[in-house]
Amino acid sequence: MRRRLRIATRRSPLALWQAHHVKTQLEAAHAGLEVELLPLTTAGDRLRDRPLATAGGKGLFIKELELALESGQAELAVHSMKDVPWRLPNGLVIGAVLARADPRDAFISLNYPNLRALPERATLGTSSQRRAALVRAARPDLEISALRGNVETRLARLDQARCDGILLAVAGLARLGLGSRITEYLDPAVFVPAVGQGVIGVECQHDSQAREMIQALEHAATRSCLEAERAFAEALSASCTSPIAAHARLDGGQLAISGFVGAPDGQRVYRAELSGPRDAPHALGRALAEHIQAAGASALLAELAAAGA
């Protein structure tokens, strides 16, 4: 008898690509396994008329997928880890993370070779508070225009000359075969990526056969980096939409992580970096959070929390 697993996924082209990618890898790892996709429309997909920060955050993109896991409609759910809240529902875990793709952000423009070349008062499209804070810190003269929708929708708005440039994740563009649209790859040391950017995670029931099967996809180095980044964000009590960022990478036997906290207007920014043993990612992420708070970010974080950011 052939075994079967069902993957709950969003219906966007990028989400479907990621789910198909997991399906292909699972079927290659387990002879006789059949993997089916269960495409679902999430609240985040339906709410296109307001910013995510006011609509309920990026967790809106995964709630229906988690309900499918809890009800038994699906055994697995595939996510972009930058959309996954720090705390999962009881009984659910990220059972595997795949090898990380390029975590950087991309600047895309039809007329300007890089972000620095944008003229004063040029319009830059992004819906991310993190990206907006980073841009405003470096280029307070630019106009930030809210930009939601899937990758293709955002590119279409650029092509329709609704803005002078847009910011997107390199990984998403590459996965959709749209890497040629990238005008500039932004330096992650300066333009710090979102927590979990470029990482595909597979969620499942904590105690299930499915969890054992997806271990074939687990990438240990990516897990270490991801756990450090998520520990940093959780220690700051930040949400997925907060203007914070963290980028961890392996450096020999050490794990290095850089963090960023910024005001939405870019007027106050805090940066910090630490290194530590790769086998203690949670402790390193929490230590970085304490470090950046001690550097002066505590008051800003309190303001963000009061504002619901």
C-alpha atoms as a PDB file:
ATOM      1  CA  MET A   1       0.000   0.000   0.000  1.00  0.00           C
ATOM      2  CA  ARG A   2       1.303   3.437  -0.923  1.00  0.00           C
ATOM      3  CA  ARG A   3       1.606   5.900   1.939  1.00  0.00           C
ATOM      4  CA  ARG A   4       0.105   9.354   1.601  1.00  0.00           C
ATOM      5  CA  LEU A   5       0.750  12.776   3.111  1.00  0.00           C
ATOM      6  CA  ARG A   6      -1.265  15.938   2.518  1.00  0.00           C
ATOM      7  CA  ILE A   7       0.307  19.405   2.542  1.00  0.00           C
ATOM      8  CA  ALA A   8      -1.788  22.459   3.416  1.00  0.00           C
ATOM      9  CA  THR A   9      -0.573  25.499   1.494  1.00  0.00           C
ATOM     10  CA  ARG A  10      -1.639  28.972   0.479  1.00  0.00           C
ATOM     11  CA  ARG A  11      -2.738  29.429  -3.121  1.00  0.00           C
ATOM     12  CA  SER A  12      -0.215  32.097  -4.109  1.00  0.00           C
ATOM     13  CA  PRO A  13       2.269  31.105  -6.832  1.00  0.00           C
ATOM     14  CA  LEU A  14       5.193  31.346  -4.385  1.00  0.00           C
ATOM     15  CA  ALA A  15       3.446  29.277  -1.713  1.00  0.00           C
ATOM     16  CA  LEU A  16       2.527  26.630  -4.271  1.00  0.00           C
ATOM     17  CA  TRP A  17       6.124  26.546  -5.530  1.00  0.00           C
ATOM     18  CA  GLN A  18       7.339  25.957  -1.981  1.00  0.00           C
ATOM     19  CA  ALA A  19       4.768  23.226  -1.336  1.00  0.00           C
ATOM     20  CA  HIS A  20       5.648  21.490  -4.625  1.00  0.00           C
ATOM     21  CA  HIS A  21       9.329  21.737  -3.661  1.00  0.00           C
ATOM     22  CA  VAL A  22       8.661  19.979  -0.350  1.00  0.00           C
ATOM     23  CA  LYS A  23       6.481  17.382  -2.112  1.00  0.00           C
ATOM     24  CA  THR A  24       9.266  16.600  -4.604  1.00  0.00           C
ATOM     25  CA  GLN A  25      11.888  16.236  -1.892  1.00  0.00           C
ATOM     26  CA  LEU A  26       9.685  14.022   0.281  1.00  0.00           C
ATOM     27  CA  GLU A  27       8.761  11.704  -2.566  1.00  0.00           C
ATOM     28  CA  ALA A  28      12.427  11.419  -3.519  1.00  0.00           C
ATOM     29  CA  ALA A  29      13.375  10.597   0.075  1.00  0.00           C
ATOM     30  CA  HIS A  30      10.658   7.973   0.671  1.00  0.00           C
ATOM     31  CA  ALA A  31       9.967   5.342  -1.983  1.00  0.00           C
ATOM     32  CA  GLY A  32       6.250   4.731  -2.480  1.00  0.00           C
ATOM     33  CA  LEU A  33       5.158   7.943  -0.773  1.00  0.00           C
ATOM     34  CA  GLU A  34       2.359   9.990  -2.344  1.00  0.00           C
ATOM     35  CA  VAL A  35       2.166  13.649  -1.389  1.00  0.00           C
ATOM     36  CA  GLU A  36      -0.911  15.712  -2.224  1.00  0.00           C
ATOM     37  CA  LEU A  37      -1.394  19.466  -1.946  1.00  0.00           C
ATOM     38  CA  LEU A  38      -4.353  21.061  -0.193  1.00  0.00           C
ATOM     39  CA  PRO A  39      -4.449  24.694  -1.396  1.00  0.00           C
ATOM     40  CA  LEU A  40      -6.294  27.034   0.986  1.00  0.00           C
ATOM     41  CA  THR A  41      -7.156  30.737   1.007  1.00  0.00           C
ATOM     42  CA  THR A  42      -6.038  32.406   4.242  1.00  0.00           C
ATOM     43  CA  ALA A  43      -7.294  35.507   6.014  1.00  0.00           C
ATOM     44  CA  GLY A  44      -4.077  37.278   5.013  1.00  0.00           C
ATOM     45  CA  ASP A  45      -4.862  36.583   1.355  1.00  0.00           C
ATOM     46  CA  ARG A  46      -8.372  37.982   1.704  1.00  0.00           C
ATOM     47  CA  LEU A  47      -7.471  41.158   3.593  1.00  0.00           C
ATOM     48  CA  ARG A  48      -5.749  43.234   0.915  1.00  0.00           C
ATOM     49  CA  ASP A  49      -7.163  46.663   1.801  1.00  0.00           C
ATOM     50  CA  ARG A  50      -5.115  47.441   4.929  1.00  0.00           C
ATOM     51  CA  PRO A  51      -1.605  46.956   6.305  1.00  0.00           C
ATOM     52  CA  LEU A  52      -0.831  43.614   7.901  1.00  0.00           C
ATOM     53  CA  ALA A  53       0.243  45.306  11.128  1.00  0.00           C
ATOM     54  CA  THR A  54      -3.321  46.594  11.665  1.00  0.00           C
ATOM     55  CA  ALA A  55      -5.089  43.555  10.219  1.00  0.00           C
ATOM     56  CA  GLY A  56      -3.558  41.043  12.601  1.00  0.00           C
ATOM     57  CA  GLY A  57      -0.018  40.410  11.410  1.00  0.00           C
ATOM     58  CA  LYS A  58       1.588  37.804   9.208  1.00  0.00           C
ATOM     59  CA  GLY A  59       0.088  35.041  11.324  1.00  0.00           C
ATOM     60  CA  LEU A  60      -3.032  35.607   9.224  1.00  0.00           C
ATOM     61  CA  PHE A  61      -1.230  33.754   6.432  1.00  0.00           C
ATOM     62  CA  ILE A  62      -0.966  30.508   8.382  1.00  0.00           C
ATOM     63  CA  LYS A  63      -4.041  30.225  10.654  1.00  0.00           C
ATOM     64  CA  GLU A  64      -6.139  28.239   8.173  1.00  0.00           C
ATOM     65  CA  LEU A  65      -3.200  25.957   7.427  1.00  0.00           C
ATOM     66  CA  GLU A  66      -2.792  25.187  11.124  1.00  0.00           C
ATOM     67  CA  LEU A  67      -6.506  24.510  11.462  1.00  0.00           C
ATOM     68  CA  ALA A  68      -6.135  21.957   8.666  1.00  0.00           C
ATOM     69  CA  LEU A  69      -3.394  20.249  10.692  1.00  0.00           C
ATOM     70  CA  GLU A  70      -5.438  20.257  13.861  1.00  0.00           C
ATOM     71  CA  SER A  71      -8.560  18.898  12.134  1.00  0.00           C
ATOM     72  CA  GLY A  72      -6.699  16.154  10.294  1.00  0.00           C
ATOM     73  CA  GLN A  73      -7.356  17.580   6.823  1.00  0.00           C
ATOM     74  CA  ALA A  74      -3.606  17.662   6.283  1.00  0.00           C
ATOM     75  CA  GLU A  75      -0.547  16.177   7.920  1.00  0.00           C
ATOM     76  CA  LEU A  76       1.855  18.964   6.901  1.00  0.00           C
ATOM     77  CA  ALA A  77       1.798  22.715   6.286  1.00  0.00           C
ATOM     78  CA  VAL A  78       4.523  24.558   4.384  1.00  0.00           C
ATOM     79  CA  HIS A  79       5.438  28.123   5.331  1.00  0.00           C
ATOM     80  CA  SER A  80       7.862  30.917   4.620  1.00  0.00           C
ATOM     81  CA  MET A  81       9.400  31.102   8.084  1.00  0.00           C
ATOM     82  CA  LYS A  82       9.394  34.893   8.093  1.00  0.00           C
ATOM     83  CA  ASP A  83       5.565  34.629   8.264  1.00  0.00           C
ATOM     84  CA  VAL A  84       5.475  32.264  11.254  1.00  0.00           C
ATOM     85  CA  PRO A  85       4.830  33.717  14.746  1.00  0.00           C
ATOM     86  CA  TRP A  86       7.293  32.833  17.489  1.00  0.00           C
ATOM     87  CA  ARG A  87       4.738  30.765  19.388  1.00  0.00           C
ATOM     88  CA  LEU A  88       2.869  27.933  17.711  1.00  0.00           C
ATOM     89  CA  PRO A  89      -0.448  26.390  18.810  1.00  0.00           C
ATOM     90  CA  ASN A  90      -0.146  23.600  21.364  1.00  0.00           C
ATOM     91  CA  GLY A  91       0.709  20.317  19.721  1.00  0.00           C
ATOM     92  CA  LEU A  92       2.206  21.799  16.555  1.00  0.00           C
ATOM     93  CA  VAL A  93       5.907  22.144  15.717  1.00  0.00           C
ATOM     94  CA  ILE A  94       8.142  23.162  12.843  1.00  0.00           C
ATOM     95  CA  GLY A  95       9.261  19.597  12.232  1.00  0.00           C
ATOM     96  CA  ALA A  96      11.799  20.408   9.523  1.00  0.00           C
ATOM     97  CA  VAL A  97      13.476  23.386   7.936  1.00  0.00           C
ATOM     98  CA  LEU A  98      15.014  23.193   4.489  1.00  0.00           C
ATOM     99  CA  ALA A  99      18.385  24.615   3.501  1.00  0.00           C
ATOM    100  CA  ARG A 100      18.145  28.376   3.458  1.00  0.00           C
ATOM    101  CA  ALA A 101      17.977  30.225   0.161  1.00  0.00           C
ATOM    102  CA  ASP A 102      19.491  33.698  -0.317  1.00  0.00           C
ATOM    103  CA  PRO A 103      18.221  35.745   2.677  1.00  0.00           C
ATOM    104  CA  ARG A 104      18.889  39.166   1.151  1.00  0.00           C
ATOM    105  CA  ASP A 105      16.422  41.836   0.068  1.00  0.00           C
ATOM    106  CA  ALA A 106      16.296  43.023  -3.530  1.00  0.00           C
ATOM    107  CA  PHE A 107      15.810  46.500  -4.951  1.00  0.00           C
ATOM    108  CA  ILE A 108      13.943  46.482  -8.277  1.00  0.00           C
ATOM    109  CA  SER A 109      13.542  49.479 -10.542  1.00  0.00           C
ATOM    110  CA  LEU A 110      12.967  50.173 -14.205  1.00  0.00           C
ATOM    111  CA  ASN A 111      14.998  53.391 -14.261  1.00  0.00           C
ATOM    112  CA  TYR A 112      17.531  53.471 -11.416  1.00  0.00           C
ATOM    113  CA  PRO A 113      20.568  51.172 -10.981  1.00  0.00           C
ATOM    114  CA  ASN A 114      20.456  51.016  -7.189  1.00  0.00           C
ATOM    115  CA  LEU A 115      18.685  52.330  -4.115  1.00  0.00           C
ATOM    116  CA  ARG A 116      21.193  55.155  -3.686  1.00  0.00           C
ATOM    117  CA  ALA A 117      20.440  56.434  -7.186  1.00  0.00           C
ATOM    118  CA  LEU A 118      16.775  57.162  -6.464  1.00  0.00           C
ATOM    119  CA  PRO A 119      16.191  60.934  -6.638  1.00  0.00           C
ATOM    120  CA  GLU A 120      14.777  62.900  -3.737  1.00  0.00           C
ATOM    121  CA  ARG A 121      11.077  62.285  -3.103  1.00  0.00           C
ATOM    122  CA  ALA A 122      11.115  59.208  -5.312  1.00  0.00           C
ATOM    123  CA  THR A 123       8.466  56.628  -4.402  1.00  0.00           C
ATOM    124  CA  LEU A 124       9.578  53.272  -3.028  1.00  0.00           C
ATOM    125  CA  GLY A 125       7.015  50.495  -2.633  1.00  0.00           C
ATOM    126  CA  THR A 126       6.997  48.153   0.366  1.00  0.00           C
ATOM    127  CA  SER A 127       4.483  46.927   2.935  1.00  0.00           C
ATOM    128  CA  SER A 128       7.173  45.863   5.421  1.00  0.00           C
ATOM    129  CA  GLN A 129       7.726  48.037   8.488  1.00  0.00           C
ATOM    130  CA  ARG A 130      11.240  46.596   8.748  1.00  0.00           C
ATOM    131  CA  ARG A 131      12.126  47.602   5.188  1.00  0.00           C
ATOM    132  CA  ALA A 132      10.514  51.001   5.642  1.00  0.00           C
ATOM    133  CA  ALA A 133      12.509  51.661   8.827  1.00  0.00           C
ATOM    134  CA  LEU A 134      15.773  50.613   7.169  1.00  0.00           C
ATOM    135  CA  VAL A 135      15.093  52.775   4.113  1.00  0.00           C
ATOM    136  CA  ARG A 136      14.019  55.832   6.112  1.00  0.00           C
ATOM    137  CA  ALA A 137      17.139  55.560   8.255  1.00  0.00           C
ATOM    138  CA  ALA A 138      19.318  55.740   5.134  1.00  0.00           C
ATOM    139  CA  ARG A 139      17.102  57.813   2.801  1.00  0.00           C
ATOM    140  CA  PRO A 140      14.620  59.923   4.779  1.00  0.00           C
ATOM    141  CA  ASP A 141      13.918  61.908   1.622  1.00  0.00           C
ATOM    142  CA  LEU A 142      12.115  59.024  -0.088  1.00  0.00           C
ATOM    143  CA  GLU A 143       8.354  58.505  -0.111  1.00  0.00           C
ATOM    144  CA  ILE A 144       7.294  55.056   1.106  1.00  0.00           C
ATOM    145  CA  SER A 145       4.236  53.661  -0.671  1.00  0.00           C
ATOM    146  CA  ALA A 146       2.251  50.747   0.801  1.00  0.00           C
ATOM    147  CA  LEU A 147       2.567  47.730  -1.458  1.00  0.00           C
ATOM    148  CA  ARG A 148       0.725  44.475  -0.748  1.00  0.00           C
ATOM    149  CA  GLY A 149      -0.145  41.455  -2.847  1.00  0.00           C
ATOM    150  CA  ASN A 150       1.840  38.545  -4.209  1.00  0.00           C
ATOM    151  CA  VAL A 151       5.181  38.935  -5.978  1.00  0.00           C
ATOM    152  CA  GLU A 152       3.633  39.197  -9.437  1.00  0.00           C
ATOM    153  CA  THR A 153       1.147  41.848  -8.293  1.00  0.00           C
ATOM    154  CA  ARG A 154       3.920  43.984  -6.803  1.00  0.00           C
ATOM    155  CA  LEU A 155       6.033  43.723  -9.931  1.00  0.00           C
ATOM    156  CA  ALA A 156       3.013  44.690 -12.027  1.00  0.00           C
ATOM    157  CA  ARG A 157       2.555  47.871  -9.996  1.00  0.00           C
ATOM    158  CA  LEU A 158       6.175  48.775 -10.659  1.00  0.00           C
ATOM    159  CA  ASP A 159       5.706  48.084 -14.363  1.00  0.00           C
ATOM    160  CA  GLN A 160       2.632  50.327 -14.323  1.00  0.00           C
ATOM    161  CA  ALA A 161       4.850  53.176 -13.029  1.00  0.00           C
ATOM    162  CA  ARG A 162       3.011  53.434  -9.710  1.00  0.00           C
ATOM    163  CA  CYS A 163       6.368  53.732  -7.956  1.00  0.00           C
ATOM    164  CA  ASP A 164      10.027  54.308  -8.813  1.00  0.00           C
ATOM    165  CA  GLY A 165      11.253  51.143  -7.156  1.00  0.00           C
ATOM    166  CA  ILE A 166      10.148  48.290  -4.930  1.00  0.00           C
ATOM    167  CA  LEU A 167      11.732  45.988  -2.359  1.00  0.00           C
ATOM    168  CA  LEU A 168      11.200  42.220  -2.368  1.00  0.00           C
ATOM    169  CA  ALA A 169      12.940  39.132  -0.992  1.00  0.00           C
ATOM    170  CA  VAL A 170      15.595  37.672  -3.274  1.00  0.00           C
ATOM    171  CA  ALA A 171      14.530  34.110  -2.385  1.00  0.00           C
ATOM    172  CA  GLY A 172      10.961  34.560  -3.569  1.00  0.00           C
ATOM    173  CA  LEU A 173      12.023  36.097  -6.856  1.00  0.00           C
ATOM    174  CA  ALA A 174      14.550  33.328  -7.492  1.00  0.00           C
ATOM    175  CA  ARG A 175      12.045  30.571  -6.691  1.00  0.00           C
ATOM    176  CA  LEU A 176       9.597  32.000  -9.216  1.00  0.00           C
ATOM    177  CA  GLY A 177      12.245  32.338 -11.912  1.00  0.00           C
ATOM    178  CA  LEU A 178      12.175  36.137 -11.630  1.00  0.00           C
ATOM    179  CA  GLY A 179      15.738  36.723 -10.500  1.00  0.00           C
ATOM    180  CA  SER A 180      16.463  38.652 -13.697  1.00  0.00           C
ATOM    181  CA  ARG A 181      14.181  41.428 -12.397  1.00  0.00           C
ATOM    182  CA  ILE A 182      16.581  42.221  -9.546  1.00  0.00           C
ATOM    183  CA  THR A 183      18.347  45.549  -9.973  1.00  0.00           C
ATOM    184  CA  GLU A 184      20.423  45.463  -6.783  1.00  0.00           C
ATOM    185  CA  TYR A 185      21.120  42.887  -4.076  1.00  0.00           C
ATOM    186  CA  LEU A 186      21.088  44.735  -0.749  1.00  0.00           C
ATOM    187  CA  ASP A 187      23.967  44.068   1.642  1.00  0.00           C
ATOM    188  CA  PRO A 188      22.609  42.076   4.630  1.00  0.00           C
ATOM    189  CA  ALA A 189      25.208  43.665   6.901  1.00  0.00           C
ATOM    190  CA  VAL A 190      23.458  47.001   6.334  1.00  0.00           C
ATOM    191  CA  PHE A 191      19.964  46.091   5.149  1.00  0.00           C
ATOM    192  CA  VAL A 192      19.388  43.356   7.714  1.00  0.00           C
ATOM    193  CA  PRO A 193      16.964  40.645   6.464  1.00  0.00           C
ATOM    194  CA  ALA A 194      13.758  39.624   8.194  1.00  0.00           C
ATOM    195  CA  VAL A 195      13.877  36.868  10.783  1.00  0.00           C
ATOM    196  CA  GLY A 196      13.651  33.584   8.871  1.00  0.00           C
ATOM    197  CA  GLN A 197      13.840  35.173   5.426  1.00  0.00           C
ATOM    198  CA  GLY A 198      14.694  32.584   2.773  1.00  0.00           C
ATOM    199  CA  VAL A 199      13.782  29.602   4.983  1.00  0.00           C
ATOM    200  CA  ILE A 200      11.006  27.130   4.174  1.00  0.00           C
ATOM    201  CA  GLY A 201       9.553  25.416   7.236  1.00  0.00           C
ATOM    202  CA  VAL A 202       7.334  22.346   7.445  1.00  0.00           C
ATOM    203  CA  GLU A 203       4.827  22.312  10.306  1.00  0.00           C
ATOM    204  CA  CYS A 204       3.161  19.184  11.669  1.00  0.00           C
ATOM    205  CA  GLN A 205       1.667  17.576  14.757  1.00  0.00           C
ATOM    206  CA  HIS A 206       4.264  17.164  17.512  1.00  0.00           C
ATOM    207  CA  ASP A 207       3.786  13.424  17.937  1.00  0.00           C
ATOM    208  CA  SER A 208       3.129  12.067  14.470  1.00  0.00           C
ATOM    209  CA  GLN A 209       4.565   9.756  11.856  1.00  0.00           C
ATOM    210  CA  ALA A 210       4.691  12.710   9.498  1.00  0.00           C
ATOM    211  CA  ARG A 211       7.232  14.411  11.761  1.00  0.00           C
ATOM    212  CA  GLU A 212       9.520  11.405  11.480  1.00  0.00           C
ATOM    213  CA  MET A 213       9.208  11.359   7.695  1.00  0.00           C
ATOM    214  CA  ILE A 214      10.067  15.015   7.173  1.00  0.00           C
ATOM    215  CA  GLN A 215      13.318  14.648   9.094  1.00  0.00           C
ATOM    216  CA  ALA A 216      14.840  13.693   5.735  1.00  0.00           C
ATOM    217  CA  LEU A 217      14.488  17.378   4.746  1.00  0.00           C
ATOM    218  CA  GLU A 218      16.019  18.875   7.895  1.00  0.00           C
ATOM    219  CA  HIS A 219      19.055  21.150   7.376  1.00  0.00           C
ATOM    220  CA  ALA A 220      20.957  21.468  10.643  1.00  0.00           C
ATOM    221  CA  ALA A 221      22.890  24.648   9.815  1.00  0.00           C
ATOM    222  CA  THR A 222      19.731  26.464   8.768  1.00  0.00           C
ATOM    223  CA  ARG A 223      17.972  25.313  11.944  1.00  0.00           C
ATOM    224  CA  SER A 224      20.729  26.801  14.114  1.00  0.00           C
ATOM    225  CA  CYS A 225      20.547  30.158  12.333  1.00  0.00           C
ATOM    226  CA  LEU A 226      16.761  30.212  12.379  1.00  0.00           C
ATOM    227  CA  GLU A 227      16.520  29.401  16.078  1.00  0.00           C
ATOM    228  CA  ALA A 228      18.953  32.174  16.963  1.00  0.00           C
ATOM    229  CA  GLU A 229      16.985  34.716  14.921  1.00  0.00           C
ATOM    230  CA  ARG A 230      13.621  33.643  16.322  1.00  0.00           C
ATOM    231  CA  ALA A 231      14.960  33.637  19.899  1.00  0.00           C
ATOM    232  CA  PHE A 232      16.135  37.238  19.366  1.00  0.00           C
ATOM    233  CA  ALA A 233      12.716  38.341  18.125  1.00  0.00           C
ATOM    234  CA  GLU A 234      10.812  36.461  20.799  1.00  0.00           C
ATOM    235  CA  ALA A 235      12.994  37.933  23.556  1.00  0.00           C
ATOM    236  CA  LEU A 236      12.069  41.380  22.265  1.00  0.00           C
ATOM    237  CA  SER A 237       8.349  40.437  22.320  1.00  0.00           C
ATOM    238  CA  ALA A 238       8.244  41.485  18.677  1.00  0.00           C
ATOM    239  CA  SER A 239       5.651  40.400  16.130  1.00  0.00           C
ATOM    240  CA  CYS A 240       6.334  39.243  12.570  1.00  0.00           C
ATOM    241  CA  THR A 241       5.470  42.743  11.343  1.00  0.00           C
ATOM    242  CA  SER A 242       7.594  44.716  13.829  1.00  0.00           C
ATOM    243  CA  PRO A 243      10.458  46.869  12.465  1.00  0.00           C
ATOM    244  CA  ILE A 244      13.084  44.448  13.732  1.00  0.00           C
ATOM    245  CA  ALA A 245      15.525  42.232  11.852  1.00  0.00           C
ATOM    246  CA  ALA A 246      18.087  39.533  12.524  1.00  0.00           C
ATOM    247  CA  HIS A 247      20.540  37.656  10.345  1.00  0.00           C
ATOM    248  CA  ALA A 248      22.491  34.653  11.646  1.00  0.00           C
ATOM    249  CA  ARG A 249      25.212  32.801   9.757  1.00  0.00           C
ATOM    250  CA  LEU A 250      27.801  30.165  10.542  1.00  0.00           C
ATOM    251  CA  ASP A 251      31.394  31.327  10.790  1.00  0.00           C
ATOM    252  CA  GLY A 252      33.552  28.259  11.221  1.00  0.00           C
ATOM    253  CA  GLY A 253      32.515  26.627  14.482  1.00  0.00           C
ATOM    254  CA  GLN A 254      30.803  29.808  15.651  1.00  0.00           C
ATOM    255  CA  LEU A 255      27.372  31.248  15.043  1.00  0.00           C
ATOM    256  CA  ALA A 256      27.304  34.995  14.330  1.00  0.00           C
ATOM    257  CA  ILE A 257      24.111  37.036  14.476  1.00  0.00           C
ATOM    258  CA  SER A 258      23.383  40.686  13.764  1.00  0.00           C
ATOM    259  CA  GLY A 259      20.221  42.423  14.907  1.00  0.00           C
ATOM    260  CA  PHE A 260      18.336  45.615  14.124  1.00  0.00           C
ATOM    261  CA  VAL A 261      15.546  47.533  15.851  1.00  0.00           C
ATOM    262  CA  GLY A 262      14.241  50.696  14.221  1.00  0.00           C
ATOM    263  CA  ALA A 263      11.499  53.254  14.617  1.00  0.00           C
ATOM    264  CA  PRO A 264       9.023  53.199  11.712  1.00  0.00           C
ATOM    265  CA  ASP A 265      10.124  56.716  10.756  1.00  0.00           C
ATOM    266  CA  GLY A 266      13.804  55.709  10.758  1.00  0.00           C
ATOM    267  CA  GLN A 267      14.730  58.411  13.260  1.00  0.00           C
ATOM    268  CA  ARG A 268      16.012  55.940  15.851  1.00  0.00           C
ATOM    269  CA  VAL A 269      17.847  52.766  14.929  1.00  0.00           C
ATOM    270  CA  TYR A 270      19.792  50.281  17.015  1.00  0.00           C
ATOM    271  CA  ARG A 271      22.172  47.631  15.745  1.00  0.00           C
ATOM    272  CA  ALA A 272      24.166  44.943  17.498  1.00  0.00           C
ATOM    273  CA  GLU A 273      26.137  41.809  16.648  1.00  0.00           C
ATOM    274  CA  LEU A 274      27.312  38.822  18.700  1.00  0.00           C
ATOM    275  CA  SER A 275      28.963  35.455  18.138  1.00  0.00           C
ATOM    276  CA  GLY A 276      28.772  32.260  20.141  1.00  0.00           C
ATOM    277  CA  PRO A 277      28.755  28.459  19.955  1.00  0.00           C
ATOM    278  CA  ARG A 278      26.638  27.094  17.139  1.00  0.00           C
ATOM    279  CA  ASP A 279      25.087  24.519  19.488  1.00  0.00           C
ATOM    280  CA  ALA A 280      23.489  27.212  21.680  1.00  0.00           C
ATOM    281  CA  PRO A 281      21.431  29.307  19.221  1.00  0.00           C
ATOM    282  CA  HIS A 282      18.641  30.173  21.661  1.00  0.00           C
ATOM    283  CA  ALA A 283      21.059  31.556  24.229  1.00  0.00           C
ATOM    284  CA  LEU A 284      22.841  33.583  21.557  1.00  0.00           C
ATOM    285  CA  GLY A 285      19.614  35.086  20.225  1.00  0.00           C
ATOM    286  CA  ARG A 286      18.472  36.048  23.719  1.00  0.00           C
ATOM    287  CA  ALA A 287      21.884  37.533  24.520  1.00  0.00           C
ATOM    288  CA  LEU A 288      21.709  39.675  21.380  1.00  0.00           C
ATOM    289  CA  ALA A 289      18.265  40.890  22.427  1.00  0.00           C
ATOM    290  CA  GLU A 290      19.603  41.905  25.840  1.00  0.00           C
ATOM    291  CA  HIS A 291      22.571  43.608  24.185  1.00  0.00           C
ATOM    292  CA  ILE A 292      20.451  45.702  21.819  1.00  0.00           C
ATOM    293  CA  GLN A 293      18.047  46.634  24.602  1.00  0.00           C
ATOM    294  CA  ALA A 294      20.956  47.777  26.758  1.00  0.00           C
ATOM    295  CA  ALA A 295      22.191  49.877  23.829  1.00  0.00           C
ATOM    296  CA  GLY A 296      19.027  51.950  24.103  1.00  0.00           C
ATOM    297  CA  ALA A 297      16.313  50.052  22.238  1.00  0.00           C
ATOM    298  CA  SER A 298      14.190  49.321  25.329  1.00  0.00           C
ATOM    299  CA  ALA A 299      12.242  52.595  25.191  1.00  0.00           C
ATOM    300  CA  LEU A 300      11.590  52.220  21.470  1.00  0.00           C
ATOM    301  CA  LEU A 301      10.418  48.630  21.914  1.00  0.00           C
ATOM    302  CA  ALA A 302       8.014  49.763  24.636  1.00  0.00           C
ATOM    303  CA  GLU A 303       6.597  52.390  22.268  1.00  0.00           C
ATOM    304  CA  LEU A 304       6.219  49.811  19.491  1.00  0.00           C
ATOM    305  CA  ALA A 305       4.441  47.439  21.852  1.00  0.00           C
ATOM    306  CA  ALA A 306       2.051  50.174  22.977  1.00  0.00           C
ATOM    307  CA  ALA A 307       1.323  50.976  19.334  1.00  0.00           C
ATOM    308  CA  GLY A 308       0.703  47.311  18.552  1.00  0.00           C
ATOM    309  CA  ALA A 309       3.684  47.059  16.182  1.00  0.00           C
END
